[in-house]
């Protein structure tokens, strides 16, 4: 299982922005969605998730609102802002460029 420290710097921001672009979610649901979509390969601890969400909120890329959950508990729901959508586009383009470059190096024929 990958840990956030195993991820390329800034990748967690991209993943969180993408997940929140689909729908507003609380932190637990974000973590669960990341695990589900990645086939349990990517997991993020609460100690990494919530500081990352807080940072995205400070940047103005997401907003947060307290709402009741399905089981009637209060939770902070995060949603993407217009600035967040713009940042997601930038981060996605950077990731595409970086992943192609890394793939090119990995595919090199050995001597």
PDB file of N, CA and C in Angstrom:
ATOM      1  N   UNK A   1       0.830  -1.173   0.000  1.00  0.00           N
ATOM      2  CA  UNK A   1       0.000   0.000   0.000  1.00  0.00           C
ATOM      3  C   UNK A   1       0.886   1.252   0.000  1.00  0.00           C
ATOM      4  N   UNK A   2       0.527   2.217  -0.818  1.00  0.00           N
ATOM      5  CA  UNK A   2       1.286   3.461  -0.871  1.00  0.00           C
ATOM      6  C   UNK A   2       0.919   4.349   0.308  1.00  0.00           C
ATOM      7  N   UNK A   3       1.892   5.036   0.825  1.00  0.00           N
ATOM      8  CA  UNK A   3       1.678   6.038   1.857  1.00  0.00           C
ATOM      9  C   UNK A   3       1.887   7.390   1.200  1.00  0.00           C
ATOM     10  N   UNK A   4       1.331   8.459   1.779  1.00  0.00           N
ATOM     11  CA  UNK A   4       1.522   9.778   1.163  1.00  0.00           C
ATOM     12  C   UNK A   4       2.986  10.110   0.927  1.00  0.00           C
ATOM     13  N   UNK A   5       3.884   9.659   1.803  1.00  0.00           N
ATOM     14  CA  UNK A   5       5.299   9.954   1.599  1.00  0.00           C
ATOM     15  C   UNK A   5       5.845   9.232   0.377  1.00  0.00           C
ATOM     16  N   UNK A   6       5.150   8.189  -0.077  1.00  0.00           N
ATOM     17  CA  UNK A   6       5.565   7.467  -1.272  1.00  0.00           C
ATOM     18  C   UNK A   6       5.113   8.170  -2.549  1.00  0.00           C
ATOM     19  N   UNK A   7       4.185   9.082  -2.431  1.00  0.00           N
ATOM     20  CA  UNK A   7       3.619   9.753  -3.594  1.00  0.00           C
ATOM     21  C   UNK A   7       4.524  10.897  -4.028  1.00  0.00           C
ATOM     22  N   UNK A   8       4.496  11.187  -5.305  1.00  0.00           N
ATOM     23  CA  UNK A   8       5.225  12.339  -5.823  1.00  0.00           C
ATOM     24  C   UNK A   8       4.694  13.592  -5.129  1.00  0.00           C
ATOM     25  N   UNK A   9       5.599  14.493  -4.762  1.00  0.00           N
ATOM     26  CA  UNK A   9       5.209  15.715  -4.063  1.00  0.00           C
ATOM     27  C   UNK A   9       4.059  16.416  -4.797  1.00  0.00           C
ATOM     28  N   UNK A  10       3.004  16.743  -4.087  1.00  0.00           N
ATOM     29  CA  UNK A  10       1.875  17.449  -4.672  1.00  0.00           C
ATOM     30  C   UNK A  10       0.793  16.552  -5.245  1.00  0.00           C
ATOM     31  N   UNK A  11       1.049  15.262  -5.315  1.00  0.00           N
ATOM     32  CA  UNK A  11       0.064  14.348  -5.893  1.00  0.00           C
ATOM     33  C   UNK A  11      -1.194  14.269  -5.041  1.00  0.00           C
ATOM     34  N   UNK A  12      -1.047  14.330  -3.726  1.00  0.00           N
ATOM     35  CA  UNK A  12      -2.209  14.252  -2.853  1.00  0.00           C
ATOM     36  C   UNK A  12      -3.173  15.402  -3.144  1.00  0.00           C
ATOM     37  N   UNK A  13      -2.649  16.600  -3.370  1.00  0.00           N
ATOM     38  CA  UNK A  13      -3.518  17.733  -3.717  1.00  0.00           C
ATOM     39  C   UNK A  13      -4.330  17.423  -4.965  1.00  0.00           C
ATOM     40  N   UNK A  14      -3.669  16.908  -5.981  1.00  0.00           N
ATOM     41  CA  UNK A  14      -4.352  16.561  -7.230  1.00  0.00           C
ATOM     42  C   UNK A  14      -5.457  15.539  -6.986  1.00  0.00           C
ATOM     43  N   UNK A  15      -5.152  14.501  -6.231  1.00  0.00           N
ATOM     44  CA  UNK A  15      -6.130  13.443  -5.967  1.00  0.00           C
ATOM     45  C   UNK A  15      -7.333  13.986  -5.199  1.00  0.00           C
ATOM     46  N   UNK A  16      -7.079  14.808  -4.205  1.00  0.00           N
ATOM     47  CA  UNK A  16      -8.178  15.377  -3.426  1.00  0.00           C
ATOM     48  C   UNK A  16      -9.034  16.314  -4.270  1.00  0.00           C
ATOM     49  N   UNK A  17      -8.393  17.149  -5.063  1.00  0.00           N
ATOM     50  CA  UNK A  17      -9.149  18.055  -5.933  1.00  0.00           C
ATOM     51  C   UNK A  17     -10.022  17.270  -6.911  1.00  0.00           C
ATOM     52  N   UNK A  18      -9.483  16.215  -7.480  1.00  0.00           N
ATOM     53  CA  UNK A  18     -10.241  15.406  -8.447  1.00  0.00           C
ATOM     54  C   UNK A  18     -11.438  14.739  -7.789  1.00  0.00           C
ATOM     55  N   UNK A  19     -11.219  14.161  -6.614  1.00  0.00           N
ATOM     56  CA  UNK A  19     -12.318  13.493  -5.901  1.00  0.00           C
ATOM     57  C   UNK A  19     -13.413  14.496  -5.551  1.00  0.00           C
ATOM     58  N   UNK A  20     -13.017  15.687  -5.091  1.00  0.00           N
ATOM     59  CA  UNK A  20     -14.009  16.689  -4.716  1.00  0.00           C
ATOM     60  C   UNK A  20     -14.660  17.363  -5.918  1.00  0.00           C
ATOM     61  N   UNK A  21     -14.054  17.247  -7.105  1.00  0.00           N
ATOM     62  CA  UNK A  21     -14.676  17.775  -8.322  1.00  0.00           C
ATOM     63  C   UNK A  21     -15.924  16.963  -8.677  1.00  0.00           C
ATOM     64  N   UNK A  22     -15.978  15.722  -8.233  1.00  0.00           N
ATOM     65  CA  UNK A  22     -17.107  14.855  -8.553  1.00  0.00           C
ATOM     66  C   UNK A  22     -18.335  15.175  -7.711  1.00  0.00           C
ATOM     67  N   UNK A  23     -18.106  15.456  -6.414  1.00  0.00           N
ATOM     68  CA  UNK A  23     -19.205  15.801  -5.515  1.00  0.00           C
ATOM     69  C   UNK A  23     -18.638  16.229  -4.164  1.00  0.00           C
ATOM     70  N   UNK A  24     -19.379  17.047  -3.417  1.00  0.00           N
ATOM     71  CA  UNK A  24     -18.942  17.406  -2.073  1.00  0.00           C
ATOM     72  C   UNK A  24     -18.928  16.165  -1.171  1.00  0.00           C
ATOM     73  N   UNK A  25     -17.886  16.024  -0.374  1.00  0.00           N
ATOM     74  CA  UNK A  25     -17.754  14.873   0.517  1.00  0.00           C
ATOM     75  C   UNK A  25     -17.136  15.307   1.835  1.00  0.00           C
ATOM     76  N   UNK A  26     -17.383  14.521   2.888  1.00  0.00           N
ATOM     77  CA  UNK A  26     -16.686  14.759   4.143  1.00  0.00           C
ATOM     78  C   UNK A  26     -15.335  14.032   4.094  1.00  0.00           C
ATOM     79  N   UNK A  27     -14.475  14.316   5.046  1.00  0.00           N
ATOM     80  CA  UNK A  27     -13.126  13.762   5.029  1.00  0.00           C
ATOM     81  C   UNK A  27     -13.093  12.246   4.983  1.00  0.00           C
ATOM     82  N   UNK A  28     -13.933  11.604   5.798  1.00  0.00           N
ATOM     83  CA  UNK A  28     -13.964  10.145   5.807  1.00  0.00           C
ATOM     84  C   UNK A  28     -14.364   9.608   4.431  1.00  0.00           C
ATOM     85  N   UNK A  29     -15.359  10.227   3.811  1.00  0.00           N
ATOM     86  CA  UNK A  29     -15.824   9.786   2.492  1.00  0.00           C
ATOM     87  C   UNK A  29     -14.757  10.011   1.421  1.00  0.00           C
ATOM     88  N   UNK A  30     -13.977  11.097   1.548  1.00  0.00           N
ATOM     89  CA  UNK A  30     -12.874  11.353   0.616  1.00  0.00           C
ATOM     90  C   UNK A  30     -11.859  10.217   0.710  1.00  0.00           C
ATOM     91  N   UNK A  31     -11.484   9.874   1.940  1.00  0.00           N
ATOM     92  CA  UNK A  31     -10.519   8.803   2.169  1.00  0.00           C
ATOM     93  C   UNK A  31     -11.031   7.477   1.605  1.00  0.00           C
ATOM     94  N   UNK A  32     -12.281   7.186   1.875  1.00  0.00           N
ATOM     95  CA  UNK A  32     -12.894   5.947   1.384  1.00  0.00           C
ATOM     96  C   UNK A  32     -12.930   5.913  -0.146  1.00  0.00           C
ATOM     97  N   UNK A  33     -13.315   7.026  -0.773  1.00  0.00           N
ATOM     98  CA  UNK A  33     -13.388   7.098  -2.237  1.00  0.00           C
ATOM     99  C   UNK A  33     -12.014   6.871  -2.859  1.00  0.00           C
ATOM    100  N   UNK A  34     -10.976   7.477  -2.261  1.00  0.00           N
ATOM    101  CA  UNK A  34      -9.619   7.296  -2.764  1.00  0.00           C
ATOM    102  C   UNK A  34      -9.212   5.821  -2.717  1.00  0.00           C
ATOM    103  N   UNK A  35      -9.514   5.166  -1.621  1.00  0.00           N
ATOM    104  CA  UNK A  35      -9.204   3.727  -1.503  1.00  0.00           C
ATOM    105  C   UNK A  35      -9.983   2.920  -2.539  1.00  0.00           C
ATOM    106  N   UNK A  36     -11.268   3.202  -2.680  1.00  0.00           N
ATOM    107  CA  UNK A  36     -12.115   2.449  -3.601  1.00  0.00           C
ATOM    108  C   UNK A  36     -11.664   2.613  -5.040  1.00  0.00           C
ATOM    109  N   UNK A  37     -11.477   3.848  -5.465  1.00  0.00           N
ATOM    110  CA  UNK A  37     -11.125   4.129  -6.859  1.00  0.00           C
ATOM    111  C   UNK A  37      -9.750   3.563  -7.209  1.00  0.00           C
ATOM    112  N   UNK A  38      -8.845   3.553  -6.234  1.00  0.00           N
ATOM    113  CA  UNK A  38      -7.488   3.050  -6.487  1.00  0.00           C
ATOM    114  C   UNK A  38      -7.357   1.557  -6.244  1.00  0.00           C
ATOM    115  N   UNK A  39      -8.460   0.879  -5.967  1.00  0.00           N
ATOM    116  CA  UNK A  39      -8.399  -0.556  -5.708  1.00  0.00           C
ATOM    117  C   UNK A  39      -7.594  -0.870  -4.449  1.00  0.00           C
ATOM    118  N   UNK A  40      -7.742  -0.065  -3.425  1.00  0.00           N
ATOM    119  CA  UNK A  40      -7.047  -0.195  -2.142  1.00  0.00           C
ATOM    120  C   UNK A  40      -5.537  -0.002  -2.229  1.00  0.00           C
ATOM    121  N   UNK A  41      -5.055   0.548  -3.331  1.00  0.00           N
ATOM    122  CA  UNK A  41      -3.617   0.802  -3.472  1.00  0.00           C
ATOM    123  C   UNK A  41      -3.235   2.091  -2.755  1.00  0.00           C
ATOM    124  N   UNK A  42      -4.069   3.106  -2.871  1.00  0.00           N
ATOM    125  CA  UNK A  42      -3.782   4.400  -2.254  1.00  0.00           C
ATOM    126  C   UNK A  42      -4.638   4.585  -1.012  1.00  0.00           C
ATOM    127  N   UNK A  43      -3.967   4.796   0.099  1.00  0.00           N
ATOM    128  CA  UNK A  43      -4.646   5.100   1.349  1.00  0.00           C
ATOM    129  C   UNK A  43      -3.946   6.289   1.968  1.00  0.00           C
ATOM    130  N   UNK A  44      -4.715   7.144   2.593  1.00  0.00           N
ATOM    131  CA  UNK A  44      -4.141   8.313   3.234  1.00  0.00           C
ATOM    132  C   UNK A  44      -4.611   8.335   4.688  1.00  0.00           C
ATOM    133  N   UNK A  45      -3.681   8.556   5.586  1.00  0.00           N
ATOM    134  CA  UNK A  45      -4.012   8.594   7.010  1.00  0.00           C
ATOM    135  C   UNK A  45      -4.703   9.911   7.337  1.00  0.00           C
ATOM    136  N   UNK A  46      -5.440   9.914   8.450  1.00  0.00           N
ATOM    137  CA  UNK A  46      -6.088  11.149   8.896  1.00  0.00           C
ATOM    138  C   UNK A  46      -5.051  12.239   9.136  1.00  0.00           C
ATOM    139  N   UNK A  47      -3.870  11.838   9.601  1.00  0.00           N
ATOM    140  CA  UNK A  47      -2.807  12.789   9.880  1.00  0.00           C
ATOM    141  C   UNK A  47      -2.259  13.476   8.642  1.00  0.00           C
ATOM    142  N   UNK A  48      -2.500  12.906   7.470  1.00  0.00           N
ATOM    143  CA  UNK A  48      -2.106  13.530   6.203  1.00  0.00           C
ATOM    144  C   UNK A  48      -3.304  14.152   5.492  1.00  0.00           C
ATOM    145  N   UNK A  49      -4.456  13.488   5.599  1.00  0.00           N
ATOM    146  CA  UNK A  49      -5.648  13.937   4.884  1.00  0.00           C
ATOM    147  C   UNK A  49      -6.138  15.303   5.361  1.00  0.00           C
ATOM    148  N   UNK A  50      -6.353  15.439   6.655  1.00  0.00           N
ATOM    149  CA  UNK A  50      -6.971  16.669   7.152  1.00  0.00           C
ATOM    150  C   UNK A  50      -6.063  17.892   7.021  1.00  0.00           C
ATOM    151  N   UNK A  51      -4.753  17.767   7.261  1.00  0.00           N
ATOM    152  CA  UNK A  51      -3.898  18.927   6.969  1.00  0.00           C
ATOM    153  C   UNK A  51      -3.910  19.307   5.485  1.00  0.00           C
ATOM    154  N   UNK A  52      -3.989  18.306   4.603  1.00  0.00           N
ATOM    155  CA  UNK A  52      -4.036  18.583   3.163  1.00  0.00           C
ATOM    156  C   UNK A  52      -5.341  19.291   2.805  1.00  0.00           C
ATOM    157  N   UNK A  53      -6.451  18.822   3.356  1.00  0.00           N
ATOM    158  CA  UNK A  53      -7.736  19.482   3.102  1.00  0.00           C
ATOM    159  C   UNK A  53      -7.719  20.907   3.642  1.00  0.00           C
ATOM    160  N   UNK A  54      -7.145  21.099   4.824  1.00  0.00           N
ATOM    161  CA  UNK A  54      -7.051  22.437   5.409  1.00  0.00           C
ATOM    162  C   UNK A  54      -6.216  23.356   4.511  1.00  0.00           C
ATOM    163  N   UNK A  55      -5.116  22.835   3.985  1.00  0.00           N
ATOM    164  CA  UNK A  55      -4.258  23.625   3.086  1.00  0.00           C
ATOM    165  C   UNK A  55      -5.027  24.020   1.826  1.00  0.00           C
ATOM    166  N   UNK A  56      -5.773  23.078   1.239  1.00  0.00           N
ATOM    167  CA  UNK A  56      -6.562  23.374   0.040  1.00  0.00           C
ATOM    168  C   UNK A  56      -7.619  24.436   0.335  1.00  0.00           C
ATOM    169  N   UNK A  57      -8.172  24.366   1.541  1.00  0.00           N
ATOM    170  CA  UNK A  57      -9.166  25.370   1.943  1.00  0.00           C
ATOM    171  C   UNK A  57      -8.502  26.739   2.095  1.00  0.00           C
ATOM    172  N   UNK A  58      -7.324  26.793   2.693  1.00  0.00           N
ATOM    173  CA  UNK A  58      -6.605  28.066   2.846  1.00  0.00           C
ATOM    174  C   UNK A  58      -6.226  28.663   1.492  1.00  0.00           C
ATOM    175  N   UNK A  59      -5.922  27.801   0.513  1.00  0.00           N
ATOM    176  CA  UNK A  59      -5.572  28.271  -0.827  1.00  0.00           C
ATOM    177  C   UNK A  59      -6.792  28.807  -1.580  1.00  0.00           C
ATOM    178  N   UNK A  60      -7.993  28.491  -1.072  1.00  0.00           N
ATOM    179  CA  UNK A  60      -9.223  28.911  -1.733  1.00  0.00           C
ATOM    180  C   UNK A  60      -9.673  27.948  -2.807  1.00  0.00           C
ATOM    181  N   UNK A  61      -9.088  26.758  -2.828  1.00  0.00           N
ATOM    182  CA  UNK A  61      -9.428  25.767  -3.852  1.00  0.00           C
ATOM    183  C   UNK A  61     -10.618  24.906  -3.473  1.00  0.00           C
ATOM    184  N   UNK A  62     -10.901  24.825  -2.169  1.00  0.00           N
ATOM    185  CA  UNK A  62     -12.092  24.127  -1.695  1.00  0.00           C
ATOM    186  C   UNK A  62     -12.743  24.983  -0.612  1.00  0.00           C
ATOM    187  N   UNK A  63     -14.018  24.730  -0.374  1.00  0.00           N
ATOM    188  CA  UNK A  63     -14.728  25.342   0.745  1.00  0.00           C
ATOM    189  C   UNK A  63     -15.235  24.215   1.629  1.00  0.00           C
ATOM    190  N   UNK A  64     -15.564  24.562   2.863  1.00  0.00           N
ATOM    191  CA  UNK A  64     -16.051  23.559   3.807  1.00  0.00           C
ATOM    192  C   UNK A  64     -17.314  24.065   4.478  1.00  0.00           C
ATOM    193  N   UNK A  65     -18.224  23.139   4.740  1.00  0.00           N
ATOM    194  CA  UNK A  65     -19.492  23.477   5.371  1.00  0.00           C
ATOM    195  C   UNK A  65     -19.894  22.322   6.282  1.00  0.00           C
ATOM    196  N   UNK A  66     -20.295  22.655   7.502  1.00  0.00           N
ATOM    197  CA  UNK A  66     -20.765  21.633   8.436  1.00  0.00           C
ATOM    198  C   UNK A  66     -22.181  21.212   8.053  1.00  0.00           C
ATOM    199  N   UNK A  67     -22.384  19.884   7.919  1.00  0.00           N
ATOM    200  CA  UNK A  67     -23.695  19.328   7.573  1.00  0.00           C
ATOM    201  C   UNK A  67     -23.884  18.015   8.326  1.00  0.00           C
ATOM    202  N   UNK A  68     -25.139  17.574   8.454  1.00  0.00           N
ATOM    203  CA  UNK A  68     -25.356  16.252   9.056  1.00  0.00           C
ATOM    204  C   UNK A  68     -25.025  15.141   8.051  1.00  0.00           C
ATOM    205  N   UNK A  69     -24.464  14.041   8.553  1.00  0.00           N
ATOM    206  CA  UNK A  69     -24.170  12.882   7.712  1.00  0.00           C
ATOM    207  C   UNK A  69     -25.423  12.027   7.588  1.00  0.00           C
ATOM    208  N   UNK A  70     -25.292  10.913   6.888  1.00  0.00           N
ATOM    209  CA  UNK A  70     -26.425   9.996   6.720  1.00  0.00           C
ATOM    210  C   UNK A  70     -26.921   9.459   8.060  1.00  0.00           C
ATOM    211  N   UNK A  71     -25.988   9.264   9.015  1.00  0.00           N
ATOM    212  CA  UNK A  71     -26.395   8.764  10.332  1.00  0.00           C
ATOM    213  C   UNK A  71     -26.592   9.913  11.333  1.00  0.00           C
ATOM    214  N   UNK A  72     -26.839  11.110  10.809  1.00  0.00           N
ATOM    215  CA  UNK A  72     -27.207  12.305  11.578  1.00  0.00           C
ATOM    216  C   UNK A  72     -26.114  12.803  12.523  1.00  0.00           C
ATOM    217  N   UNK A  73     -24.858  12.618  12.160  1.00  0.00           N
ATOM    218  CA  UNK A  73     -23.751  13.231  12.884  1.00  0.00           C
ATOM    219  C   UNK A  73     -23.285  14.443  12.086  1.00  0.00           C
ATOM    220  N   UNK A  74     -22.657  15.384  12.765  1.00  0.00           N
ATOM    221  CA  UNK A  74     -22.142  16.563  12.061  1.00  0.00           C
ATOM    222  C   UNK A  74     -20.773  16.246  11.477  1.00  0.00           C
ATOM    223  N   UNK A  75     -20.579  16.653  10.238  1.00  0.00           N
ATOM    224  CA  UNK A  75     -19.277  16.471   9.578  1.00  0.00           C
ATOM    225  C   UNK A  75     -19.043  17.649   8.648  1.00  0.00           C
ATOM    226  N   UNK A  76     -17.780  17.921   8.419  1.00  0.00           N
ATOM    227  CA  UNK A  76     -17.396  19.004   7.522  1.00  0.00           C
ATOM    228  C   UNK A  76     -17.377  18.448   6.100  1.00  0.00           C
ATOM    229  N   UNK A  77     -18.186  19.035   5.215  1.00  0.00           N
ATOM    230  CA  UNK A  77     -18.235  18.625   3.816  1.00  0.00           C
ATOM    231  C   UNK A  77     -17.429  19.607   2.981  1.00  0.00           C
ATOM    232  N   UNK A  78     -16.584  19.065   2.142  1.00  0.00           N
ATOM    233  CA  UNK A  78     -15.690  19.873   1.312  1.00  0.00           C
ATOM    234  C   UNK A  78     -16.190  19.869  -0.124  1.00  0.00           C
ATOM    235  N   UNK A  79     -16.096  21.020  -0.782  1.00  0.00           N
ATOM    236  CA  UNK A  79     -16.469  21.107  -2.194  1.00  0.00           C
ATOM    237  C   UNK A  79     -15.478  22.005  -2.922  1.00  0.00           C
ATOM    238  N   UNK A  80     -15.361  21.762  -4.212  1.00  0.00           N
ATOM    239  CA  UNK A  80     -14.423  22.490  -5.056  1.00  0.00           C
ATOM    240  C   UNK A  80     -14.952  23.888  -5.375  1.00  0.00           C
ATOM    241  N   UNK A  81     -14.062  24.868  -5.416  1.00  0.00           N
ATOM    242  CA  UNK A  81     -14.416  26.231  -5.820  1.00  0.00           C
ATOM    243  C   UNK A  81     -14.005  26.427  -7.281  1.00  0.00           C
ATOM    244  N   UNK A  82     -14.347  27.577  -7.826  1.00  0.00           N
ATOM    245  CA  UNK A  82     -13.906  27.910  -9.184  1.00  0.00           C
ATOM    246  C   UNK A  82     -12.388  27.924  -9.282  1.00  0.00           C
ATOM    247  N   UNK A  83     -11.732  28.516  -8.270  1.00  0.00           N
ATOM    248  CA  UNK A  83     -10.268  28.499  -8.233  1.00  0.00           C
ATOM    249  C   UNK A  83      -9.741  27.063  -8.178  1.00  0.00           C
ATOM    250  N   UNK A  84     -10.463  26.222  -7.452  1.00  0.00           N
ATOM    251  CA  UNK A  84     -10.073  24.817  -7.344  1.00  0.00           C
ATOM    252  C   UNK A  84     -10.155  24.091  -8.677  1.00  0.00           C
ATOM    253  N   UNK A  85     -11.183  24.406  -9.460  1.00  0.00           N
ATOM    254  CA  UNK A  85     -11.307  23.787 -10.789  1.00  0.00           C
ATOM    255  C   UNK A  85     -10.138  24.203 -11.686  1.00  0.00           C
ATOM    256  N   UNK A  86      -9.787  25.479 -11.607  1.00  0.00           N
ATOM    257  CA  UNK A  86      -8.645  25.969 -12.387  1.00  0.00           C
ATOM    258  C   UNK A  86      -7.364  25.271 -11.939  1.00  0.00           C
ATOM    259  N   UNK A  87      -7.179  25.143 -10.625  1.00  0.00           N
ATOM    260  CA  UNK A  87      -5.993  24.469 -10.106  1.00  0.00           C
ATOM    261  C   UNK A  87      -5.985  23.002 -10.500  1.00  0.00           C
ATOM    262  N   UNK A  88      -7.143  22.361 -10.478  1.00  0.00           N
ATOM    263  CA  UNK A  88      -7.239  20.960 -10.889  1.00  0.00           C
ATOM    264  C   UNK A  88      -6.790  20.794 -12.335  1.00  0.00           C
ATOM    265  N   UNK A  89      -7.194  21.695 -13.199  1.00  0.00           N
ATOM    266  CA  UNK A  89      -6.758  21.633 -14.605  1.00  0.00           C
ATOM    267  C   UNK A  89      -5.243  21.759 -14.708  1.00  0.00           C
ATOM    268  N   UNK A  90      -4.657  22.695 -13.951  1.00  0.00           N
ATOM    269  CA  UNK A  90      -3.204  22.868 -13.960  1.00  0.00           C
ATOM    270  C   UNK A  90      -2.492  21.629 -13.420  1.00  0.00           C
ATOM    271  N   UNK A  91      -2.986  21.138 -12.288  1.00  0.00           N
ATOM    272  CA  UNK A  91      -2.362  19.963 -11.658  1.00  0.00           C
ATOM    273  C   UNK A  91      -2.477  18.733 -12.572  1.00  0.00           C
ATOM    274  N   UNK A  92      -3.623  18.585 -13.229  1.00  0.00           N
ATOM    275  CA  UNK A  92      -3.825  17.440 -14.135  1.00  0.00           C
ATOM    276  C   UNK A  92      -2.869  17.516 -15.319  1.00  0.00           C
ATOM    277  N   UNK A  93      -2.707  18.702 -15.875  1.00  0.00           N
ATOM    278  CA  UNK A  93      -1.783  18.874 -16.998  1.00  0.00           C
ATOM    279  C   UNK A  93      -0.350  18.576 -16.561  1.00  0.00           C
ATOM    280  N   UNK A  94       0.037  19.073 -15.378  1.00  0.00           N
ATOM    281  CA  UNK A  94       1.380  18.798 -14.864  1.00  0.00           C
ATOM    282  C   UNK A  94       1.583  17.305 -14.625  1.00  0.00           C
ATOM    283  N   UNK A  95       0.548  16.647 -14.067  1.00  0.00           N
ATOM    284  CA  UNK A  95       0.651  15.210 -13.811  1.00  0.00           C
ATOM    285  C   UNK A  95       0.800  14.441 -15.126  1.00  0.00           C
ATOM    286  N   UNK A  96       0.043  14.800 -16.130  1.00  0.00           N
ATOM    287  CA  UNK A  96       0.134  14.118 -17.427  1.00  0.00           C
ATOM    288  C   UNK A  96       1.536  14.257 -18.002  1.00  0.00           C
ATOM    289  N   UNK A  97       2.085  15.458 -17.954  1.00  0.00           N
ATOM    290  CA  UNK A  97       3.430  15.709 -18.456  1.00  0.00           C
ATOM    291  C   UNK A  97       4.463  14.902 -17.668  1.00  0.00           C
ATOM    292  N   UNK A  98       4.341  14.910 -16.345  1.00  0.00           N
ATOM    293  CA  UNK A  98       5.283  14.197 -15.484  1.00  0.00           C
ATOM    294  C   UNK A  98       5.187  12.689 -15.666  1.00  0.00           C
ATOM    295  N   UNK A  99       3.970  12.164 -15.748  1.00  0.00           N
ATOM    296  CA  UNK A  99       3.809  10.713 -15.873  1.00  0.00           C
ATOM    297  C   UNK A  99       4.335  10.201 -17.214  1.00  0.00           C
ATOM    298  N   UNK A 100       4.184  10.990 -18.281  1.00  0.00           N
ATOM    299  CA  UNK A 100       4.754  10.612 -19.577  1.00  0.00           C
ATOM    300  C   UNK A 100       6.280  10.599 -19.489  1.00  0.00           C
ATOM    301  N   UNK A 101       6.855  11.610 -18.852  1.00  0.00           N
ATOM    302  CA  UNK A 101       8.308  11.684 -18.719  1.00  0.00           C
ATOM    303  C   UNK A 101       8.844  10.503 -17.915  1.00  0.00           C
ATOM    304  N   UNK A 102       8.176  10.177 -16.810  1.00  0.00           N
ATOM    305  CA  UNK A 102       8.607   9.040 -15.990  1.00  0.00           C
ATOM    306  C   UNK A 102       8.474   7.737 -16.765  1.00  0.00           C
ATOM    307  N   UNK A 103       7.372   7.567 -17.491  1.00  0.00           N
ATOM    308  CA  UNK A 103       7.183   6.360 -18.309  1.00  0.00           C
ATOM    309  C   UNK A 103       8.286   6.227 -19.345  1.00  0.00           C
ATOM    310  N   UNK A 104       8.663   7.322 -19.961  1.00  0.00           N
ATOM    311  CA  UNK A 104       9.743   7.272 -20.958  1.00  0.00           C
ATOM    312  C   UNK A 104      11.042   6.775 -20.345  1.00  0.00           C
ATOM    313  N   UNK A 105      11.351   7.211 -19.143  1.00  0.00           N
ATOM    314  CA  UNK A 105      12.578   6.764 -18.476  1.00  0.00           C
ATOM    315  C   UNK A 105      12.462   5.297 -18.094  1.00  0.00           C
ATOM    316  N   UNK A 106      11.343   4.890 -17.549  1.00  0.00           N
ATOM    317  CA  UNK A 106      11.152   3.504 -17.108  1.00  0.00           C
ATOM    318  C   UNK A 106      11.230   2.537 -18.295  1.00  0.00           C
ATOM    319  N   UNK A 107      10.791   2.949 -19.476  1.00  0.00           N
ATOM    320  CA  UNK A 107      10.773   2.091 -20.661  1.00  0.00           C
ATOM    321  C   UNK A 107      12.123   1.981 -21.368  1.00  0.00           C
ATOM    322  N   UNK A 108      13.131   2.690 -20.885  1.00  0.00           N
ATOM    323  CA  UNK A 108      14.449   2.615 -21.529  1.00  0.00           C
ATOM    324  C   UNK A 108      14.946   1.182 -21.563  1.00  0.00           C
ATOM    325  N   UNK A 109      15.535   0.803 -22.678  1.00  0.00           N
ATOM    326  CA  UNK A 109      16.108  -0.547 -22.831  1.00  0.00           C
ATOM    327  C   UNK A 109      17.429  -0.592 -22.089  1.00  0.00           C
ATOM    328  N   UNK A 110      17.613  -1.665 -21.330  1.00  0.00           N
ATOM    329  CA  UNK A 110      18.863  -1.831 -20.594  1.00  0.00           C
ATOM    330  C   UNK A 110      19.942  -2.388 -21.507  1.00  0.00           C
ATOM    331  N   UNK A 111      21.180  -2.029 -21.213  1.00  0.00           N
ATOM    332  CA  UNK A 111      22.315  -2.460 -22.038  1.00  0.00           C
ATOM    333  C   UNK A 111      22.632  -3.917 -21.788  1.00  0.00           C
TER     334      UNK A 111
END
